[in-house]
Amino acid sequence: MACFQRLNRTRGFTLIEILVVLGILGLLAASALVALSVLRGGSDLQAEARGLSRVLELAKSKTVASEGDTRYGVYATSTTPHRYILFQGVAPLYDYASRVAAEDQVYNLRDAIEFDSVSFGGGTEVVFDRIQGTTSQAGSAVLRVKANPSNTTTVYVESSGIVEIDSSSIPGDAARIKDTRHVHIDYTNRAINTATETLTLTFSSPPNPDVVKNIAIADFLSGGQIVWEGTVQVGGEDQKLKIHTHTLNSGVGLNDSQFSVHRDRRFNTKPLTIEINGSPDPDIGTLIQYDAAGITTPGTSIYASLPVVQ
């Protein structure tokens, strides 16, 4: 009997114990796969940003060199399939629509990456000028990781033709430093008339008069959203901004929107007020206000929420 008891105490694992161990191993494996996916996504994001930057530089260099006696540009699409195309323009427009399609060089984004937004001069293409390599379609393309949309990188094209990469890749919301370069404002219970209304930017530069920039919303609609990015000269200094919506006239009553404002203090030194104007039923308040240092003050509109720093 004693021998039997010793044998019984040293027998193998029960089925339940084996299943528990397998379950734990499965969870560990799943966690490792998620972590690997995040790391790979970040690596792919930077690689795609560098690739887009190189192709933009290539389009500029081909134009400056008068290769083919024409101008070159890059077209990008934030709809499926997400890709960008180096194209050869044709006089007199040199745009994507009139290009030499047989000369297209197509670059598809990696499976883990997509365009969050594309705005070059309010459109989806940028064409460079001969001799100096400048462009009238300055703007940016924002790339993001599909599995982690907050992980983004922006490729900028300046009017001078300079191409830059500015990464906002972040490990997690709680671990990062936040500032007012990127804020969200909910705009609720009022539909925006996209056909008639404008975004009005008012810059202060005492003792000089205010500089007012009116942006016709109808001219800057892309994929059903407002997308505007540009430069406004105030007091001899360029102010560079991006304003777009994540939602536009959505919700049950089709009257809820969310604005995203990018105002980097490296490129902005003047106080700014943003408001919506131009409707028969106008919103008499402001959307948001900035002081010269970039500190925000909530807008006075009854429809605008407090700005939320991203």
C-alpha atoms as a PDB file:
ATOM      1  CA  MET A   1       0.000   0.000   0.000  1.00  0.00           C
ATOM      2  CA  ALA A   2       2.812   2.429   0.900  1.00  0.00           C
ATOM      3  CA  CYS A   3       4.465   1.694  -2.410  1.00  0.00           C
ATOM      4  CA  PHE A   4       1.213   2.379  -4.280  1.00  0.00           C
ATOM      5  CA  GLN A   5       0.790   5.718  -2.482  1.00  0.00           C
ATOM      6  CA  ARG A   6       4.310   6.782  -3.431  1.00  0.00           C
ATOM      7  CA  LEU A   7       3.631   5.897  -7.047  1.00  0.00           C
ATOM      8  CA  ASN A   8       0.325   7.760  -6.966  1.00  0.00           C
ATOM      9  CA  ARG A   9       1.987  10.916  -5.604  1.00  0.00           C
ATOM     10  CA  THR A  10       4.559  10.913  -8.406  1.00  0.00           C
ATOM     11  CA  ARG A  11       2.172  10.405 -11.320  1.00  0.00           C
ATOM     12  CA  GLY A  12       2.003  12.938 -14.251  1.00  0.00           C
ATOM     13  CA  PHE A  13      -0.113  16.105 -14.677  1.00  0.00           C
ATOM     14  CA  THR A  14      -3.873  15.862 -14.879  1.00  0.00           C
ATOM     15  CA  LEU A  15      -5.703  16.932 -18.058  1.00  0.00           C
ATOM     16  CA  ILE A  16      -6.917  20.134 -16.352  1.00  0.00           C
ATOM     17  CA  GLU A  17      -3.371  21.068 -15.340  1.00  0.00           C
ATOM     18  CA  ILE A  18      -2.149  20.519 -18.898  1.00  0.00           C
ATOM     19  CA  LEU A  19      -4.958  22.690 -20.299  1.00  0.00           C
ATOM     20  CA  VAL A  20      -4.150  25.489 -17.841  1.00  0.00           C
ATOM     21  CA  VAL A  21      -0.473  25.423 -18.820  1.00  0.00           C
ATOM     22  CA  LEU A  22      -1.362  25.434 -22.517  1.00  0.00           C
ATOM     23  CA  GLY A  23      -3.711  28.369 -21.943  1.00  0.00           C
ATOM     24  CA  ILE A  24      -0.990  30.383 -20.207  1.00  0.00           C
ATOM     25  CA  LEU A  25       1.478  29.584 -22.986  1.00  0.00           C
ATOM     26  CA  GLY A  26      -1.116  30.682 -25.547  1.00  0.00           C
ATOM     27  CA  LEU A  27      -1.618  34.022 -23.798  1.00  0.00           C
ATOM     28  CA  LEU A  28       2.141  34.594 -23.624  1.00  0.00           C
ATOM     29  CA  ALA A  29       2.499  33.777 -27.306  1.00  0.00           C
ATOM     30  CA  ALA A  30      -0.364  36.137 -28.230  1.00  0.00           C
ATOM     31  CA  SER A  31       1.193  38.951 -26.177  1.00  0.00           C
ATOM     32  CA  ALA A  32       4.530  38.397 -27.875  1.00  0.00           C
ATOM     33  CA  LEU A  33       2.888  38.532 -31.308  1.00  0.00           C
ATOM     34  CA  VAL A  34       1.124  41.804 -30.453  1.00  0.00           C
ATOM     35  CA  ALA A  35       4.377  43.344 -29.217  1.00  0.00           C
ATOM     36  CA  LEU A  36       6.192  42.145 -32.337  1.00  0.00           C
ATOM     37  CA  SER A  37       3.438  43.581 -34.534  1.00  0.00           C
ATOM     38  CA  VAL A  38       3.711  46.989 -32.843  1.00  0.00           C
ATOM     39  CA  LEU A  39       7.493  47.033 -33.224  1.00  0.00           C
ATOM     40  CA  ARG A  40       7.266  45.965 -36.839  1.00  0.00           C
ATOM     41  CA  GLY A  41       4.586  48.563 -37.516  1.00  0.00           C
ATOM     42  CA  GLY A  42       6.812  51.338 -36.173  1.00  0.00           C
ATOM     43  CA  SER A  43       9.725  50.118 -38.282  1.00  0.00           C
ATOM     44  CA  ASP A  44       7.548  49.901 -41.403  1.00  0.00           C
ATOM     45  CA  LEU A  45       6.186  53.388 -40.724  1.00  0.00           C
ATOM     46  CA  GLN A  46       9.629  54.965 -40.700  1.00  0.00           C
ATOM     47  CA  ALA A  47      10.662  53.012 -43.777  1.00  0.00           C
ATOM     48  CA  GLU A  48       7.601  54.193 -45.707  1.00  0.00           C
ATOM     49  CA  ALA A  49       8.161  57.800 -44.647  1.00  0.00           C
ATOM     50  CA  ARG A  50      11.747  57.626 -45.878  1.00  0.00           C
ATOM     51  CA  GLY A  51      10.593  55.991 -49.108  1.00  0.00           C
ATOM     52  CA  LEU A  52       8.015  58.699 -49.794  1.00  0.00           C
ATOM     53  CA  SER A  53      10.572  61.373 -48.973  1.00  0.00           C
ATOM     54  CA  ARG A  54      13.067  59.868 -51.439  1.00  0.00           C
ATOM     55  CA  VAL A  55      10.471  59.720 -54.228  1.00  0.00           C
ATOM     56  CA  LEU A  56       9.499  63.359 -53.619  1.00  0.00           C
ATOM     57  CA  GLU A  57      13.169  64.305 -53.824  1.00  0.00           C
ATOM     58  CA  LEU A  58      13.485  62.262 -57.012  1.00  0.00           C
ATOM     59  CA  ALA A  59      10.549  64.089 -58.616  1.00  0.00           C
ATOM     60  CA  LYS A  60      12.147  67.396 -57.703  1.00  0.00           C
ATOM     61  CA  SER A  61      15.575  66.433 -59.044  1.00  0.00           C
ATOM     62  CA  LYS A  62      14.100  65.167 -62.331  1.00  0.00           C
ATOM     63  CA  THR A  63      12.284  68.470 -62.738  1.00  0.00           C
ATOM     64  CA  VAL A  64      15.302  70.628 -61.915  1.00  0.00           C
ATOM     65  CA  ALA A  65      17.380  68.588 -64.379  1.00  0.00           C
ATOM     66  CA  SER A  66      14.670  69.145 -67.052  1.00  0.00           C
ATOM     67  CA  GLU A  67      14.627  65.409 -67.662  1.00  0.00           C
ATOM     68  CA  GLY A  68      12.356  64.816 -70.639  1.00  0.00           C
ATOM     69  CA  ASP A  69      11.967  68.582 -70.947  1.00  0.00           C
ATOM     70  CA  THR A  70       9.031  68.495 -68.519  1.00  0.00           C
ATOM     71  CA  ARG A  71       8.046  68.621 -64.835  1.00  0.00           C
ATOM     72  CA  TYR A  72       7.499  65.745 -62.417  1.00  0.00           C
ATOM     73  CA  GLY A  73       5.252  65.243 -59.443  1.00  0.00           C
ATOM     74  CA  VAL A  74       3.995  62.756 -56.863  1.00  0.00           C
ATOM     75  CA  TYR A  75       0.371  61.726 -56.453  1.00  0.00           C
ATOM     76  CA  ALA A  76      -0.788  60.013 -53.242  1.00  0.00           C
ATOM     77  CA  THR A  77      -4.096  58.420 -52.351  1.00  0.00           C
ATOM     78  CA  SER A  78      -5.510  57.843 -48.868  1.00  0.00           C
ATOM     79  CA  THR A  79      -8.107  55.403 -50.190  1.00  0.00           C
ATOM     80  CA  THR A  80      -7.581  51.711 -50.886  1.00  0.00           C
ATOM     81  CA  PRO A  81      -5.109  50.816 -52.257  1.00  0.00           C
ATOM     82  CA  HIS A  82      -2.946  53.235 -50.292  1.00  0.00           C
ATOM     83  CA  ARG A  83      -0.074  54.182 -52.577  1.00  0.00           C
ATOM     84  CA  TYR A  84       1.883  57.021 -54.153  1.00  0.00           C
ATOM     85  CA  ILE A  85       2.948  57.509 -57.758  1.00  0.00           C
ATOM     86  CA  LEU A  86       5.869  59.371 -59.304  1.00  0.00           C
ATOM     87  CA  PHE A  87       4.479  60.772 -62.546  1.00  0.00           C
ATOM     88  CA  GLN A  88       5.711  62.699 -65.575  1.00  0.00           C
ATOM     89  CA  GLY A  89       3.613  65.765 -66.285  1.00  0.00           C
ATOM     90  CA  VAL A  90       2.538  67.088 -69.656  1.00  0.00           C
ATOM     91  CA  ALA A  91       2.335  70.770 -70.609  1.00  0.00           C
ATOM     92  CA  PRO A  92       0.556  73.000 -69.970  1.00  0.00           C
ATOM     93  CA  LEU A  93      -0.909  71.665 -66.693  1.00  0.00           C
ATOM     94  CA  TYR A  94       1.732  69.087 -65.729  1.00  0.00           C
ATOM     95  CA  ASP A  95      -0.813  67.487 -63.365  1.00  0.00           C
ATOM     96  CA  TYR A  96      -1.603  63.863 -62.594  1.00  0.00           C
ATOM     97  CA  ALA A  97      -4.730  63.807 -64.755  1.00  0.00           C
ATOM     98  CA  SER A  98      -2.813  64.765 -67.907  1.00  0.00           C
ATOM     99  CA  ARG A  99       0.343  62.780 -67.160  1.00  0.00           C
ATOM    100  CA  VAL A 100       2.155  60.230 -69.324  1.00  0.00           C
ATOM    101  CA  ALA A 101       0.642  57.149 -67.639  1.00  0.00           C
ATOM    102  CA  ALA A 102       3.170  54.791 -69.224  1.00  0.00           C
ATOM    103  CA  GLU A 103       5.917  56.523 -67.202  1.00  0.00           C
ATOM    104  CA  ASP A 104       4.219  56.027 -63.818  1.00  0.00           C
ATOM    105  CA  GLN A 105       6.327  54.607 -61.006  1.00  0.00           C
ATOM    106  CA  VAL A 106       3.880  53.108 -58.500  1.00  0.00           C
ATOM    107  CA  TYR A 107       4.757  52.530 -54.832  1.00  0.00           C
ATOM    108  CA  ASN A 108       2.259  50.560 -52.738  1.00  0.00           C
ATOM    109  CA  LEU A 109       2.426  51.047 -48.975  1.00  0.00           C
ATOM    110  CA  ARG A 110       3.223  48.048 -46.829  1.00  0.00           C
ATOM    111  CA  ASP A 111       0.275  46.101 -45.471  1.00  0.00           C
ATOM    112  CA  ALA A 112       0.701  47.505 -41.947  1.00  0.00           C
ATOM    113  CA  ILE A 113       0.799  51.167 -43.081  1.00  0.00           C
ATOM    114  CA  GLU A 114      -1.772  53.558 -44.554  1.00  0.00           C
ATOM    115  CA  PHE A 115      -2.196  57.250 -45.267  1.00  0.00           C
ATOM    116  CA  ASP A 116      -4.087  59.101 -42.548  1.00  0.00           C
ATOM    117  CA  SER A 117      -4.414  62.206 -44.729  1.00  0.00           C
ATOM    118  CA  VAL A 118      -2.891  63.787 -47.814  1.00  0.00           C
ATOM    119  CA  SER A 119      -3.004  67.510 -48.517  1.00  0.00           C
ATOM    120  CA  PHE A 120      -0.704  69.140 -51.030  1.00  0.00           C
ATOM    121  CA  GLY A 121      -2.034  72.598 -51.771  1.00  0.00           C
ATOM    122  CA  GLY A 122      -5.455  71.279 -50.782  1.00  0.00           C
ATOM    123  CA  GLY A 123      -5.165  68.338 -53.185  1.00  0.00           C
ATOM    124  CA  THR A 124      -3.431  64.969 -53.403  1.00  0.00           C
ATOM    125  CA  GLU A 125      -0.522  65.771 -55.690  1.00  0.00           C
ATOM    126  CA  VAL A 126       2.568  67.959 -55.673  1.00  0.00           C
ATOM    127  CA  VAL A 127       4.404  69.101 -58.816  1.00  0.00           C
ATOM    128  CA  PHE A 128       7.781  70.803 -58.731  1.00  0.00           C
ATOM    129  CA  ASP A 129       8.929  73.852 -60.687  1.00  0.00           C
ATOM    130  CA  ARG A 130      11.880  73.930 -63.039  1.00  0.00           C
ATOM    131  CA  ILE A 131      15.219  75.560 -62.250  1.00  0.00           C
ATOM    132  CA  GLN A 132      14.672  76.037 -58.485  1.00  0.00           C
ATOM    133  CA  GLY A 133      12.587  72.981 -57.565  1.00  0.00           C
ATOM    134  CA  THR A 134       9.981  75.041 -55.734  1.00  0.00           C
ATOM    135  CA  THR A 135       6.264  74.215 -55.659  1.00  0.00           C
ATOM    136  CA  SER A 136       2.946  75.989 -55.334  1.00  0.00           C
ATOM    137  CA  GLN A 137       1.460  72.860 -53.740  1.00  0.00           C
ATOM    138  CA  ALA A 138       3.165  72.830 -50.366  1.00  0.00           C
ATOM    139  CA  GLY A 139       1.598  70.493 -47.855  1.00  0.00           C
ATOM    140  CA  SER A 140       2.007  67.136 -46.196  1.00  0.00           C
ATOM    141  CA  ALA A 141       1.129  63.458 -46.154  1.00  0.00           C
ATOM    142  CA  VAL A 142       0.468  61.769 -42.825  1.00  0.00           C
ATOM    143  CA  LEU A 143       1.279  58.058 -42.579  1.00  0.00           C
ATOM    144  CA  ARG A 144       0.072  55.858 -39.747  1.00  0.00           C
ATOM    145  CA  VAL A 145       0.195  52.289 -38.447  1.00  0.00           C
ATOM    146  CA  LYS A 146      -3.134  50.543 -39.087  1.00  0.00           C
ATOM    147  CA  ALA A 147      -2.992  48.639 -35.812  1.00  0.00           C
ATOM    148  CA  ASN A 148      -2.072  51.758 -33.840  1.00  0.00           C
ATOM    149  CA  PRO A 149      -3.484  54.878 -35.592  1.00  0.00           C
ATOM    150  CA  SER A 150      -1.942  57.220 -33.007  1.00  0.00           C
ATOM    151  CA  ASN A 151       1.496  56.188 -34.281  1.00  0.00           C
ATOM    152  CA  THR A 152       2.015  58.610 -37.177  1.00  0.00           C
ATOM    153  CA  THR A 153       4.747  60.225 -39.219  1.00  0.00           C
ATOM    154  CA  THR A 154       4.281  63.305 -41.400  1.00  0.00           C
ATOM    155  CA  VAL A 155       6.202  64.020 -44.589  1.00  0.00           C
ATOM    156  CA  TYR A 156       6.204  67.753 -45.333  1.00  0.00           C
ATOM    157  CA  VAL A 157       6.885  69.508 -48.627  1.00  0.00           C
ATOM    158  CA  GLU A 158       7.666  73.201 -48.213  1.00  0.00           C
ATOM    159  CA  SER A 159       6.976  75.803 -50.899  1.00  0.00           C
ATOM    160  CA  SER A 160      10.764  76.045 -51.264  1.00  0.00           C
ATOM    161  CA  GLY A 161      10.776  72.388 -52.321  1.00  0.00           C
ATOM    162  CA  ILE A 162      12.390  71.181 -49.110  1.00  0.00           C
ATOM    163  CA  VAL A 163      11.138  67.750 -48.016  1.00  0.00           C
ATOM    164  CA  GLU A 164      11.145  66.938 -44.302  1.00  0.00           C
ATOM    165  CA  ILE A 165       9.993  64.101 -42.058  1.00  0.00           C
ATOM    166  CA  ASP A 166       8.463  64.877 -38.679  1.00  0.00           C
ATOM    167  CA  SER A 167       7.632  61.821 -36.582  1.00  0.00           C
ATOM    168  CA  SER A 168       5.034  61.775 -33.847  1.00  0.00           C
ATOM    169  CA  SER A 169       5.536  58.088 -33.142  1.00  0.00           C
ATOM    170  CA  ILE A 170       4.624  57.408 -29.535  1.00  0.00           C
ATOM    171  CA  PRO A 171       4.807  54.370 -27.248  1.00  0.00           C
ATOM    172  CA  GLY A 172       1.510  55.026 -25.495  1.00  0.00           C
ATOM    173  CA  ASP A 173      -0.814  57.832 -24.541  1.00  0.00           C
ATOM    174  CA  ALA A 174       0.066  57.860 -20.849  1.00  0.00           C
ATOM    175  CA  ALA A 175       3.808  57.818 -21.451  1.00  0.00           C
ATOM    176  CA  ARG A 176       4.170  60.761 -23.802  1.00  0.00           C
ATOM    177  CA  ILE A 177       4.486  64.499 -23.270  1.00  0.00           C
ATOM    178  CA  LYS A 178       1.530  66.441 -24.633  1.00  0.00           C
ATOM    179  CA  ASP A 179       1.431  70.012 -25.838  1.00  0.00           C
ATOM    180  CA  THR A 180      -0.863  72.190 -27.889  1.00  0.00           C
ATOM    181  CA  ARG A 181       0.714  71.543 -31.275  1.00  0.00           C
ATOM    182  CA  HIS A 182      -2.173  69.106 -31.938  1.00  0.00           C
ATOM    183  CA  VAL A 183      -5.639  69.584 -30.449  1.00  0.00           C
ATOM    184  CA  HIS A 184      -9.126  68.231 -31.100  1.00  0.00           C
ATOM    185  CA  ILE A 185     -12.320  70.256 -30.782  1.00  0.00           C
ATOM    186  CA  ASP A 186     -15.756  68.651 -30.902  1.00  0.00           C
ATOM    187  CA  TYR A 187     -18.292  70.795 -32.747  1.00  0.00           C
ATOM    188  CA  THR A 188     -21.760  69.469 -31.969  1.00  0.00           C
ATOM    189  CA  ASN A 189     -25.467  70.150 -32.490  1.00  0.00           C
ATOM    190  CA  ARG A 190     -24.884  72.324 -35.553  1.00  0.00           C
ATOM    191  CA  ALA A 191     -24.427  71.156 -39.147  1.00  0.00           C
ATOM    192  CA  ILE A 192     -21.680  72.891 -41.107  1.00  0.00           C
ATOM    193  CA  ASN A 193     -22.791  74.157 -44.504  1.00  0.00           C
ATOM    194  CA  THR A 194     -19.857  72.982 -46.575  1.00  0.00           C
ATOM    195  CA  ALA A 195     -21.110  74.766 -49.689  1.00  0.00           C
ATOM    196  CA  THR A 196     -21.213  78.279 -48.241  1.00  0.00           C
ATOM    197  CA  GLU A 197     -19.254  78.442 -45.012  1.00  0.00           C
ATOM    198  CA  THR A 198     -15.636  79.374 -44.455  1.00  0.00           C
ATOM    199  CA  LEU A 199     -12.985  78.814 -41.832  1.00  0.00           C
ATOM    200  CA  THR A 200     -11.703  82.230 -40.825  1.00  0.00           C
ATOM    201  CA  LEU A 201      -8.206  82.554 -39.379  1.00  0.00           C
ATOM    202  CA  THR A 202      -7.429  85.864 -37.687  1.00  0.00           C
ATOM    203  CA  PHE A 203      -3.776  86.527 -36.799  1.00  0.00           C
ATOM    204  CA  SER A 204      -2.732  89.362 -34.491  1.00  0.00           C
ATOM    205  CA  SER A 205       0.537  91.236 -34.999  1.00  0.00           C
ATOM    206  CA  PRO A 206       0.426  94.543 -33.085  1.00  0.00           C
ATOM    207  CA  PRO A 207       0.909  97.340 -33.940  1.00  0.00           C
ATOM    208  CA  ASN A 208       0.084  96.101 -37.440  1.00  0.00           C
ATOM    209  CA  PRO A 209      -3.519  95.373 -38.487  1.00  0.00           C
ATOM    210  CA  ASP A 210      -4.874  91.857 -38.042  1.00  0.00           C
ATOM    211  CA  VAL A 211      -4.275  89.454 -40.922  1.00  0.00           C
ATOM    212  CA  VAL A 212      -7.418  87.523 -41.916  1.00  0.00           C
ATOM    213  CA  LYS A 213      -7.366  84.329 -43.971  1.00  0.00           C
ATOM    214  CA  ASN A 214     -10.713  83.017 -45.226  1.00  0.00           C
ATOM    215  CA  ILE A 215     -10.743  79.363 -46.271  1.00  0.00           C
ATOM    216  CA  ALA A 216     -13.725  78.295 -48.380  1.00  0.00           C
ATOM    217  CA  ILE A 217     -14.644  74.873 -47.010  1.00  0.00           C
ATOM    218  CA  ALA A 218     -16.044  73.763 -50.379  1.00  0.00           C
ATOM    219  CA  ASP A 219     -12.562  74.089 -51.898  1.00  0.00           C
ATOM    220  CA  PHE A 220     -10.894  71.874 -49.312  1.00  0.00           C
ATOM    221  CA  LEU A 221     -13.056  68.766 -49.066  1.00  0.00           C
ATOM    222  CA  SER A 222     -11.289  65.433 -49.439  1.00  0.00           C
ATOM    223  CA  GLY A 223     -12.809  62.042 -48.723  1.00  0.00           C
ATOM    224  CA  GLY A 224     -15.840  63.690 -47.133  1.00  0.00           C
ATOM    225  CA  GLN A 225     -13.670  65.677 -44.698  1.00  0.00           C
ATOM    226  CA  ILE A 226     -12.304  69.208 -44.458  1.00  0.00           C
ATOM    227  CA  VAL A 227      -8.556  69.136 -45.137  1.00  0.00           C
ATOM    228  CA  TRP A 228      -6.597  72.395 -45.307  1.00  0.00           C
ATOM    229  CA  GLU A 229      -2.924  73.061 -44.809  1.00  0.00           C
ATOM    230  CA  GLY A 230      -1.114  76.248 -45.675  1.00  0.00           C
ATOM    231  CA  THR A 231       1.141  79.147 -44.873  1.00  0.00           C
ATOM    232  CA  VAL A 232       0.017  82.677 -44.031  1.00  0.00           C
ATOM    233  CA  GLN A 233       2.493  85.538 -43.806  1.00  0.00           C
ATOM    234  CA  VAL A 234       1.939  87.739 -40.763  1.00  0.00           C
ATOM    235  CA  GLY A 235       4.231  90.630 -39.897  1.00  0.00           C
ATOM    236  CA  GLY A 236       6.908  89.280 -42.212  1.00  0.00           C
ATOM    237  CA  GLU A 237       6.816  85.800 -40.639  1.00  0.00           C
ATOM    238  CA  ASP A 238       5.291  82.623 -42.092  1.00  0.00           C
ATOM    239  CA  GLN A 239       2.634  80.908 -39.985  1.00  0.00           C
ATOM    240  CA  LYS A 240       2.142  77.237 -40.923  1.00  0.00           C
ATOM    241  CA  LEU A 241      -1.019  75.398 -39.955  1.00  0.00           C
ATOM    242  CA  LYS A 242      -3.055  72.329 -40.685  1.00  0.00           C
ATOM    243  CA  ILE A 243      -6.788  72.081 -39.974  1.00  0.00           C
ATOM    244  CA  HIS A 244      -8.871  69.036 -40.819  1.00  0.00           C
ATOM    245  CA  THR A 245     -11.876  67.123 -39.553  1.00  0.00           C
ATOM    246  CA  HIS A 246     -12.046  63.554 -38.311  1.00  0.00           C
ATOM    247  CA  THR A 247     -15.831  63.583 -38.549  1.00  0.00           C
ATOM    248  CA  LEU A 248     -17.993  66.026 -40.504  1.00  0.00           C
ATOM    249  CA  ASN A 249     -21.759  66.405 -40.057  1.00  0.00           C
ATOM    250  CA  SER A 250     -22.073  62.935 -38.578  1.00  0.00           C
ATOM    251  CA  GLY A 251     -24.119  61.450 -35.754  1.00  0.00           C
ATOM    252  CA  VAL A 252     -27.859  60.847 -35.518  1.00  0.00           C
ATOM    253  CA  GLY A 253     -28.779  64.391 -36.496  1.00  0.00           C
ATOM    254  CA  LEU A 254     -25.922  64.746 -39.038  1.00  0.00           C
ATOM    255  CA  ASN A 255     -24.807  67.795 -37.090  1.00  0.00           C
ATOM    256  CA  ASP A 256     -21.713  66.652 -35.178  1.00  0.00           C
ATOM    257  CA  SER A 257     -18.122  67.251 -36.299  1.00  0.00           C
ATOM    258  CA  GLN A 258     -14.645  67.002 -34.833  1.00  0.00           C
ATOM    259  CA  PHE A 259     -11.846  69.381 -35.795  1.00  0.00           C
ATOM    260  CA  SER A 260      -8.142  68.644 -35.551  1.00  0.00           C
ATOM    261  CA  VAL A 261      -5.758  71.630 -35.485  1.00  0.00           C
ATOM    262  CA  HIS A 262      -1.987  71.293 -35.898  1.00  0.00           C
ATOM    263  CA  ARG A 263      -0.100  74.409 -34.832  1.00  0.00           C
ATOM    264  CA  ASP A 264       3.586  73.756 -34.219  1.00  0.00           C
ATOM    265  CA  ARG A 265       5.302  76.484 -32.201  1.00  0.00           C
ATOM    266  CA  ARG A 266       8.413  76.108 -34.346  1.00  0.00           C
ATOM    267  CA  PHE A 267       6.471  77.587 -37.265  1.00  0.00           C
ATOM    268  CA  ASN A 268       3.939  79.842 -35.501  1.00  0.00           C
ATOM    269  CA  THR A 269       4.650  82.947 -33.441  1.00  0.00           C
ATOM    270  CA  LYS A 270       1.458  84.996 -33.704  1.00  0.00           C
ATOM    271  CA  PRO A 271      -1.803  84.877 -31.724  1.00  0.00           C
ATOM    272  CA  LEU A 272      -4.555  83.155 -33.696  1.00  0.00           C
ATOM    273  CA  THR A 273      -8.346  82.862 -33.583  1.00  0.00           C
ATOM    274  CA  ILE A 274     -10.240  80.284 -35.648  1.00  0.00           C
ATOM    275  CA  GLU A 275     -13.961  80.581 -36.373  1.00  0.00           C
ATOM    276  CA  ILE A 276     -16.625  79.380 -38.798  1.00  0.00           C
ATOM    277  CA  ASN A 277     -18.391  82.008 -40.911  1.00  0.00           C
ATOM    278  CA  GLY A 278     -20.612  82.456 -43.924  1.00  0.00           C
ATOM    279  CA  SER A 279     -23.894  80.739 -43.140  1.00  0.00           C
ATOM    280  CA  PRO A 280     -27.398  82.276 -43.141  1.00  0.00           C
ATOM    281  CA  ASP A 281     -27.503  80.834 -39.618  1.00  0.00           C
ATOM    282  CA  PRO A 282     -24.023  81.909 -38.499  1.00  0.00           C
ATOM    283  CA  ASP A 283     -22.106  80.706 -35.491  1.00  0.00           C
ATOM    284  CA  ILE A 284     -21.162  83.979 -33.832  1.00  0.00           C
ATOM    285  CA  GLY A 285     -18.543  82.379 -31.566  1.00  0.00           C
ATOM    286  CA  THR A 286     -14.986  81.199 -32.092  1.00  0.00           C
ATOM    287  CA  LEU A 287     -13.731  77.635 -32.407  1.00  0.00           C
ATOM    288  CA  ILE A 288     -10.424  78.096 -30.578  1.00  0.00           C
ATOM    289  CA  GLN A 289      -7.894  80.800 -29.724  1.00  0.00           C
ATOM    290  CA  TYR A 290      -4.090  80.681 -29.383  1.00  0.00           C
ATOM    291  CA  ASP A 291      -1.706  83.171 -27.847  1.00  0.00           C
ATOM    292  CA  ALA A 292       1.755  83.771 -29.322  1.00  0.00           C
ATOM    293  CA  ALA A 293       3.277  80.963 -27.236  1.00  0.00           C
ATOM    294  CA  GLY A 294       0.670  78.469 -28.422  1.00  0.00           C
ATOM    295  CA  ILE A 295      -1.381  78.369 -25.228  1.00  0.00           C
ATOM    296  CA  THR A 296      -5.012  77.699 -26.090  1.00  0.00           C
ATOM    297  CA  THR A 297      -8.166  79.396 -24.857  1.00  0.00           C
ATOM    298  CA  PRO A 298     -11.499  77.625 -25.409  1.00  0.00           C
ATOM    299  CA  GLY A 299     -13.606  79.053 -28.203  1.00  0.00           C
ATOM    300  CA  THR A 300     -16.658  81.166 -27.410  1.00  0.00           C
ATOM    301  CA  SER A 301     -18.986  79.205 -29.700  1.00  0.00           C
ATOM    302  CA  ILE A 302     -21.760  77.376 -27.877  1.00  0.00           C
ATOM    303  CA  TYR A 303     -21.168  74.440 -30.238  1.00  0.00           C
ATOM    304  CA  ALA A 304     -17.425  74.052 -29.574  1.00  0.00           C
ATOM    305  CA  SER A 305     -16.016  71.842 -26.823  1.00  0.00           C
ATOM    306  CA  LEU A 306     -12.937  72.531 -24.767  1.00  0.00           C
ATOM    307  CA  PRO A 307      -9.815  71.789 -26.830  1.00  0.00           C
ATOM    308  CA  VAL A 308      -8.335  68.380 -26.043  1.00  0.00           C
ATOM    309  CA  VAL A 309      -4.564  68.151 -26.397  1.00  0.00           C
ATOM    310  CA  GLN A 310      -3.449  65.049 -28.291  1.00  0.00           C
END
